[in-house]
Amino acid sequence: MTAVVLASIVLTIPFLVAFIGIPLWMTFTRPDAGADHSGAQRYLRARSTRTQPVAGAAARAALDPAAA
């Protein structure tokens, strides 16, 4: 092998270690505790309680058109 090939291999190793090691280090030192979906859950709960009677009335009207 020529000197250029050996130099490129020697220089590749630290870059690969950095590309693999830094994300792994960041992942293991700062693990996610999980996403906080409480705001979304509150929104969906409020939206479903607000639209529930309308959906129920529409379903009853679709099943029994004479009662509407």
PDB file of N, CA and C in Angstrom:
ATOM      1  N   MET A   1       0.840  -1.172   0.000  1.00  0.00           N
ATOM      2  CA  MET A   1       0.000   0.000   0.000  1.00  0.00           C
ATOM      3  C   MET A   1       0.887   1.238   0.000  1.00  0.00           C
ATOM      4  N   THR A   2       0.367   2.234  -0.629  1.00  0.00           N
ATOM      5  CA  THR A   2       1.158   3.462  -0.683  1.00  0.00           C
ATOM      6  C   THR A   2       0.952   4.268   0.583  1.00  0.00           C
ATOM      7  N   ALA A   3       1.759   5.285   0.716  1.00  0.00           N
ATOM      8  CA  ALA A   3       1.690   6.129   1.901  1.00  0.00           C
ATOM      9  C   ALA A   3       0.372   6.896   1.974  1.00  0.00           C
ATOM     10  N   VAL A   4      -0.192   7.257   0.831  1.00  0.00           N
ATOM     11  CA  VAL A   4      -1.463   7.992   0.814  1.00  0.00           C
ATOM     12  C   VAL A   4      -2.593   7.122   1.338  1.00  0.00           C
ATOM     13  N   VAL A   5      -2.609   5.853   0.950  1.00  0.00           N
ATOM     14  CA  VAL A   5      -3.644   4.936   1.414  1.00  0.00           C
ATOM     15  C   VAL A   5      -3.514   4.716   2.918  1.00  0.00           C
ATOM     16  N   LEU A   6      -2.314   4.505   3.394  1.00  0.00           N
ATOM     17  CA  LEU A   6      -2.106   4.322   4.832  1.00  0.00           C
ATOM     18  C   LEU A   6      -2.485   5.568   5.612  1.00  0.00           C
ATOM     19  N   ALA A   7      -2.149   6.733   5.091  1.00  0.00           N
ATOM     20  CA  ALA A   7      -2.501   7.978   5.771  1.00  0.00           C
ATOM     21  C   ALA A   7      -4.011   8.161   5.809  1.00  0.00           C
ATOM     22  N   SER A   8      -4.700   7.806   4.730  1.00  0.00           N
ATOM     23  CA  SER A   8      -6.156   7.966   4.719  1.00  0.00           C
ATOM     24  C   SER A   8      -6.822   7.013   5.709  1.00  0.00           C
ATOM     25  N   ILE A   9      -6.283   5.803   5.839  1.00  0.00           N
ATOM     26  CA  ILE A   9      -6.830   4.858   6.823  1.00  0.00           C
ATOM     27  C   ILE A   9      -6.596   5.381   8.229  1.00  0.00           C
ATOM     28  N   VAL A  10      -5.412   5.874   8.483  1.00  0.00           N
ATOM     29  CA  VAL A  10      -5.090   6.390   9.817  1.00  0.00           C
ATOM     30  C   VAL A  10      -5.953   7.605  10.151  1.00  0.00           C
ATOM     31  N   LEU A  11      -6.221   8.452   9.177  1.00  0.00           N
ATOM     32  CA  LEU A  11      -7.050   9.629   9.423  1.00  0.00           C
ATOM     33  C   LEU A  11      -8.545   9.295   9.470  1.00  0.00           C
ATOM     34  N   THR A  12      -8.947   8.203   8.853  1.00  0.00           N
ATOM     35  CA  THR A  12     -10.353   7.810   8.859  1.00  0.00           C
ATOM     36  C   THR A  12     -10.793   7.310  10.224  1.00  0.00           C
ATOM     37  N   ILE A  13      -9.922   6.629  10.905  1.00  0.00           N
ATOM     38  CA  ILE A  13     -10.274   6.015  12.193  1.00  0.00           C
ATOM     39  C   ILE A  13     -10.755   7.053  13.211  1.00  0.00           C
ATOM     40  N   PRO A  14     -10.055   8.168  13.441  1.00  0.00           N
ATOM     41  CA  PRO A  14     -10.577   9.147  14.416  1.00  0.00           C
ATOM     42  C   PRO A  14     -11.919   9.758  13.993  1.00  0.00           C
ATOM     43  N   PHE A  15     -12.109   9.969  12.691  1.00  0.00           N
ATOM     44  CA  PHE A  15     -13.382  10.527  12.241  1.00  0.00           C
ATOM     45  C   PHE A  15     -14.530   9.549  12.459  1.00  0.00           C
ATOM     46  N   LEU A  16     -14.297   8.280  12.193  1.00  0.00           N
ATOM     47  CA  LEU A  16     -15.338   7.280  12.444  1.00  0.00           C
ATOM     48  C   LEU A  16     -15.653   7.172  13.928  1.00  0.00           C
ATOM     49  N   VAL A  17     -14.620   7.202  14.739  1.00  0.00           N
ATOM     50  CA  VAL A  17     -14.839   7.153  16.190  1.00  0.00           C
ATOM     51  C   VAL A  17     -15.659   8.359  16.633  1.00  0.00           C
ATOM     52  N   ALA A  18     -15.360   9.531  16.092  1.00  0.00           N
ATOM     53  CA  ALA A  18     -16.112  10.736  16.455  1.00  0.00           C
ATOM     54  C   ALA A  18     -17.556  10.656  15.950  1.00  0.00           C
ATOM     55  N   PHE A  19     -17.741  10.213  14.699  1.00  0.00           N
ATOM     56  CA  PHE A  19     -19.086  10.137  14.136  1.00  0.00           C
ATOM     57  C   PHE A  19     -19.954   9.134  14.883  1.00  0.00           C
ATOM     58  N   ILE A  20     -19.378   8.084  15.380  1.00  0.00           N
ATOM     59  CA  ILE A  20     -20.137   7.066  16.105  1.00  0.00           C
ATOM     60  C   ILE A  20     -20.174   7.363  17.596  1.00  0.00           C
ATOM     61  N   GLY A  21     -19.051   7.794  18.134  1.00  0.00           N
ATOM     62  CA  GLY A  21     -18.931   7.957  19.585  1.00  0.00           C
ATOM     63  C   GLY A  21     -19.676   9.138  20.153  1.00  0.00           C
ATOM     64  N   ILE A  22     -19.653  10.284  19.477  1.00  0.00           N
ATOM     65  CA  ILE A  22     -20.298  11.474  20.031  1.00  0.00           C
ATOM     66  C   ILE A  22     -21.814  11.298  20.141  1.00  0.00           C
ATOM     67  N   PRO A  23     -22.518  10.817  19.108  1.00  0.00           N
ATOM     68  CA  PRO A  23     -23.966  10.589  19.300  1.00  0.00           C
ATOM     69  C   PRO A  23     -24.275   9.548  20.369  1.00  0.00           C
ATOM     70  N   LEU A  24     -23.474   8.500  20.441  1.00  0.00           N
ATOM     71  CA  LEU A  24     -23.694   7.513  21.500  1.00  0.00           C
ATOM     72  C   LEU A  24     -23.480   8.120  22.875  1.00  0.00           C
ATOM     73  N   TRP A  25     -22.446   8.916  23.015  1.00  0.00           N
ATOM     74  CA  TRP A  25     -22.169   9.575  24.291  1.00  0.00           C
ATOM     75  C   TRP A  25     -23.316  10.506  24.666  1.00  0.00           C
ATOM     76  N   MET A  26     -23.814  11.266  23.694  1.00  0.00           N
ATOM     77  CA  MET A  26     -24.927  12.180  23.980  1.00  0.00           C
ATOM     78  C   MET A  26     -26.192  11.416  24.348  1.00  0.00           C
ATOM     79  N   THR A  27     -26.408  10.271  23.723  1.00  0.00           N
ATOM     80  CA  THR A  27     -27.595   9.477  24.022  1.00  0.00           C
ATOM     81  C   THR A  27     -27.538   8.878  25.411  1.00  0.00           C
ATOM     82  N   PHE A  28     -26.403   8.353  25.776  1.00  0.00           N
ATOM     83  CA  PHE A  28     -26.310   7.680  27.067  1.00  0.00           C
ATOM     84  C   PHE A  28     -26.153   8.641  28.233  1.00  0.00           C
ATOM     85  N   THR A  29     -25.623   9.825  28.007  1.00  0.00           N
ATOM     86  CA  THR A  29     -25.485  10.765  29.123  1.00  0.00           C
ATOM     87  C   THR A  29     -26.744  11.586  29.340  1.00  0.00           C
ATOM     88  N   ARG A  30     -27.572  11.747  28.308  1.00  0.00           N
ATOM     89  CA  ARG A  30     -28.804  12.526  28.439  1.00  0.00           C
ATOM     90  C   ARG A  30     -29.974  11.726  27.871  1.00  0.00           C
ATOM     91  N   PRO A  31     -30.401  10.665  28.536  1.00  0.00           N
ATOM     92  CA  PRO A  31     -31.503   9.870  27.978  1.00  0.00           C
ATOM     93  C   PRO A  31     -32.818  10.646  28.061  1.00  0.00           C
ATOM     94  N   ASP A  32     -33.658  10.450  27.074  1.00  0.00           N
ATOM     95  CA  ASP A  32     -34.967  11.097  27.087  1.00  0.00           C
ATOM     96  C   ASP A  32     -35.839  10.421  28.137  1.00  0.00           C
ATOM     97  N   ALA A  33     -36.559  11.246  28.862  1.00  0.00           N
ATOM     98  CA  ALA A  33     -37.488  10.707  29.843  1.00  0.00           C
ATOM     99  C   ALA A  33     -38.823  10.387  29.192  1.00  0.00           C
ATOM    100  N   GLY A  34     -38.947  10.689  27.943  1.00  0.00           N
ATOM    101  CA  GLY A  34     -40.199  10.476  27.232  1.00  0.00           C
ATOM    102  C   GLY A  34     -40.804  11.817  26.884  1.00  0.00           C
ATOM    103  N   ALA A  35     -41.556  11.830  25.842  1.00  0.00           N
ATOM    104  CA  ALA A  35     -42.180  13.071  25.403  1.00  0.00           C
ATOM    105  C   ALA A  35     -43.333  13.430  26.326  1.00  0.00           C
ATOM    106  N   ASP A  36     -43.542  14.713  26.510  1.00  0.00           N
ATOM    107  CA  ASP A  36     -44.629  15.187  27.348  1.00  0.00           C
ATOM    108  C   ASP A  36     -45.827  15.483  26.445  1.00  0.00           C
ATOM    109  N   HIS A  37     -46.797  14.599  26.488  1.00  0.00           N
ATOM    110  CA  HIS A  37     -47.980  14.741  25.648  1.00  0.00           C
ATOM    111  C   HIS A  37     -49.184  15.214  26.444  1.00  0.00           C
ATOM    112  N   SER A  38     -48.970  15.768  27.619  1.00  0.00           N
ATOM    113  CA  SER A  38     -50.101  16.155  28.454  1.00  0.00           C
ATOM    114  C   SER A  38     -50.925  17.252  27.799  1.00  0.00           C
ATOM    115  N   GLY A  39     -50.269  18.194  27.132  1.00  0.00           N
ATOM    116  CA  GLY A  39     -51.011  19.256  26.459  1.00  0.00           C
ATOM    117  C   GLY A  39     -51.877  18.711  25.341  1.00  0.00           C
ATOM    118  N   ALA A  40     -51.337  17.789  24.573  1.00  0.00           N
ATOM    119  CA  ALA A  40     -52.097  17.193  23.481  1.00  0.00           C
ATOM    120  C   ALA A  40     -53.255  16.361  24.026  1.00  0.00           C
ATOM    121  N   GLN A  41     -53.029  15.658  25.121  1.00  0.00           N
ATOM    122  CA  GLN A  41     -54.095  14.858  25.705  1.00  0.00           C
ATOM    123  C   GLN A  41     -55.219  15.743  26.233  1.00  0.00           C
ATOM    124  N   ARG A  42     -54.854  16.868  26.851  1.00  0.00           N
ATOM    125  CA  ARG A  42     -55.880  17.809  27.324  1.00  0.00           C
ATOM    126  C   ARG A  42     -56.684  18.356  26.145  1.00  0.00           C
ATOM    127  N   TYR A  43     -55.983  18.700  25.070  1.00  0.00           N
ATOM    128  CA  TYR A  43     -56.654  19.229  23.878  1.00  0.00           C
ATOM    129  C   TYR A  43     -57.625  18.213  23.298  1.00  0.00           C
ATOM    130  N   LEU A  44     -57.165  16.977  23.145  1.00  0.00           N
ATOM    131  CA  LEU A  44     -58.032  15.950  22.564  1.00  0.00           C
ATOM    132  C   LEU A  44     -59.216  15.640  23.478  1.00  0.00           C
ATOM    133  N   ARG A  45     -58.971  15.625  24.785  1.00  0.00           N
ATOM    134  CA  ARG A  45     -60.061  15.361  25.722  1.00  0.00           C
ATOM    135  C   ARG A  45     -61.105  16.478  25.651  1.00  0.00           C
ATOM    136  N   ALA A  46     -60.652  17.732  25.625  1.00  0.00           N
ATOM    137  CA  ALA A  46     -61.578  18.859  25.544  1.00  0.00           C
ATOM    138  C   ALA A  46     -62.317  18.848  24.210  1.00  0.00           C
ATOM    139  N   ARG A  47     -61.630  18.509  23.149  1.00  0.00           N
ATOM    140  CA  ARG A  47     -62.261  18.489  21.837  1.00  0.00           C
ATOM    141  C   ARG A  47     -63.297  17.373  21.743  1.00  0.00           C
ATOM    142  N   SER A  48     -62.976  16.211  22.312  1.00  0.00           N
ATOM    143  CA  SER A  48     -63.916  15.094  22.225  1.00  0.00           C
ATOM    144  C   SER A  48     -65.141  15.339  23.098  1.00  0.00           C
ATOM    145  N   THR A  49     -64.983  15.972  24.262  1.00  0.00           N
ATOM    146  CA  THR A  49     -66.153  16.243  25.103  1.00  0.00           C
ATOM    147  C   THR A  49     -67.008  17.336  24.492  1.00  0.00           C
ATOM    148  N   ARG A  50     -66.386  18.257  23.771  1.00  0.00           N
ATOM    149  CA  ARG A  50     -67.146  19.330  23.148  1.00  0.00           C
ATOM    150  C   ARG A  50     -67.926  18.819  21.945  1.00  0.00           C
ATOM    151  N   THR A  51     -67.367  17.897  21.188  1.00  0.00           N
ATOM    152  CA  THR A  51     -68.036  17.418  19.980  1.00  0.00           C
ATOM    153  C   THR A  51     -68.837  16.146  20.209  1.00  0.00           C
ATOM    154  N   GLN A  52     -68.755  15.567  21.368  1.00  0.00           N
ATOM    155  CA  GLN A  52     -69.454  14.310  21.640  1.00  0.00           C
ATOM    156  C   GLN A  52     -70.964  14.443  21.487  1.00  0.00           C
ATOM    157  N   PRO A  53     -71.618  15.430  22.074  1.00  0.00           N
ATOM    158  CA  PRO A  53     -73.076  15.510  21.914  1.00  0.00           C
ATOM    159  C   PRO A  53     -73.497  15.742  20.467  1.00  0.00           C
ATOM    160  N   VAL A  54     -72.722  16.517  19.727  1.00  0.00           N
ATOM    161  CA  VAL A  54     -73.058  16.773  18.335  1.00  0.00           C
ATOM    162  C   VAL A  54     -72.951  15.490  17.524  1.00  0.00           C
ATOM    163  N   ALA A  55     -71.901  14.740  17.752  1.00  0.00           N
ATOM    164  CA  ALA A  55     -71.725  13.488  17.027  1.00  0.00           C
ATOM    165  C   ALA A  55     -72.825  12.501  17.402  1.00  0.00           C
ATOM    166  N   GLY A  56     -73.204  12.466  18.680  1.00  0.00           N
ATOM    167  CA  GLY A  56     -74.271  11.568  19.112  1.00  0.00           C
ATOM    168  C   GLY A  56     -75.596  11.937  18.485  1.00  0.00           C
ATOM    169  N   ALA A  57     -75.912  13.238  18.413  1.00  0.00           N
ATOM    170  CA  ALA A  57     -77.161  13.683  17.805  1.00  0.00           C
ATOM    171  C   ALA A  57     -77.172  13.374  16.309  1.00  0.00           C
ATOM    172  N   ALA A  58     -76.048  13.569  15.656  1.00  0.00           N
ATOM    173  CA  ALA A  58     -75.973  13.278  14.225  1.00  0.00           C
ATOM    174  C   ALA A  58     -76.138  11.785  13.971  1.00  0.00           C
ATOM    175  N   ALA A  59     -75.594  10.956  14.833  1.00  0.00           N
ATOM    176  CA  ALA A  59     -75.729   9.507  14.663  1.00  0.00           C
ATOM    177  C   ALA A  59     -77.176   9.077  14.887  1.00  0.00           C
ATOM    178  N   ARG A  60     -77.825   9.675  15.895  1.00  0.00           N
ATOM    179  CA  ARG A  60     -79.228   9.319  16.134  1.00  0.00           C
ATOM    180  C   ARG A  60     -80.111   9.763  14.973  1.00  0.00           C
ATOM    181  N   ALA A  61     -79.828  10.946  14.414  1.00  0.00           N
ATOM    182  CA  ALA A  61     -80.612  11.439  13.294  1.00  0.00           C
ATOM    183  C   ALA A  61     -80.391  10.570  12.059  1.00  0.00           C
ATOM    184  N   ALA A  62     -79.193  10.062  11.882  1.00  0.00           N
ATOM    185  CA  ALA A  62     -78.928   9.210  10.732  1.00  0.00           C
ATOM    186  C   ALA A  62     -79.621   7.864  10.862  1.00  0.00           C
ATOM    187  N   LEU A  63     -79.738   7.365  12.091  1.00  0.00           N
ATOM    188  CA  LEU A  63     -80.381   6.076  12.295  1.00  0.00           C
ATOM    189  C   LEU A  63     -81.901   6.179  12.245  1.00  0.00           C
ATOM    190  N   ASP A  64     -82.444   7.292  12.715  1.00  0.00           N
ATOM    191  CA  ASP A  64     -83.907   7.446  12.789  1.00  0.00           C
ATOM    192  C   ASP A  64     -84.302   8.795  12.178  1.00  0.00           C
ATOM    193  N   PRO A  65     -84.443   8.896  10.854  1.00  0.00           N
ATOM    194  CA  PRO A  65     -84.760  10.190  10.238  1.00  0.00           C
ATOM    195  C   PRO A  65     -86.121  10.727  10.627  1.00  0.00           C
ATOM    196  N   ALA A  66     -87.047   9.874  11.048  1.00  0.00           N
ATOM    197  CA  ALA A  66     -88.391  10.350  11.435  1.00  0.00           C
ATOM    198  C   ALA A  66     -88.358  11.147  12.723  1.00  0.00           C
ATOM    199  N   ALA A  67     -87.383  10.830  13.602  1.00  0.00           N
ATOM    200  CA  ALA A  67     -87.316  11.509  14.893  1.00  0.00           C
ATOM    201  C   ALA A  67     -86.704  12.886  14.773  1.00  0.00           C
ATOM    202  N   ALA A  68     -86.027  13.177  13.674  1.00  0.00           N
ATOM    203  CA  ALA A  68     -85.346  14.454  13.522  1.00  0.00           C
ATOM    204  C   ALA A  68     -86.250  15.586  13.218  1.00  0.00           C
TER     205      ALA A  68
END
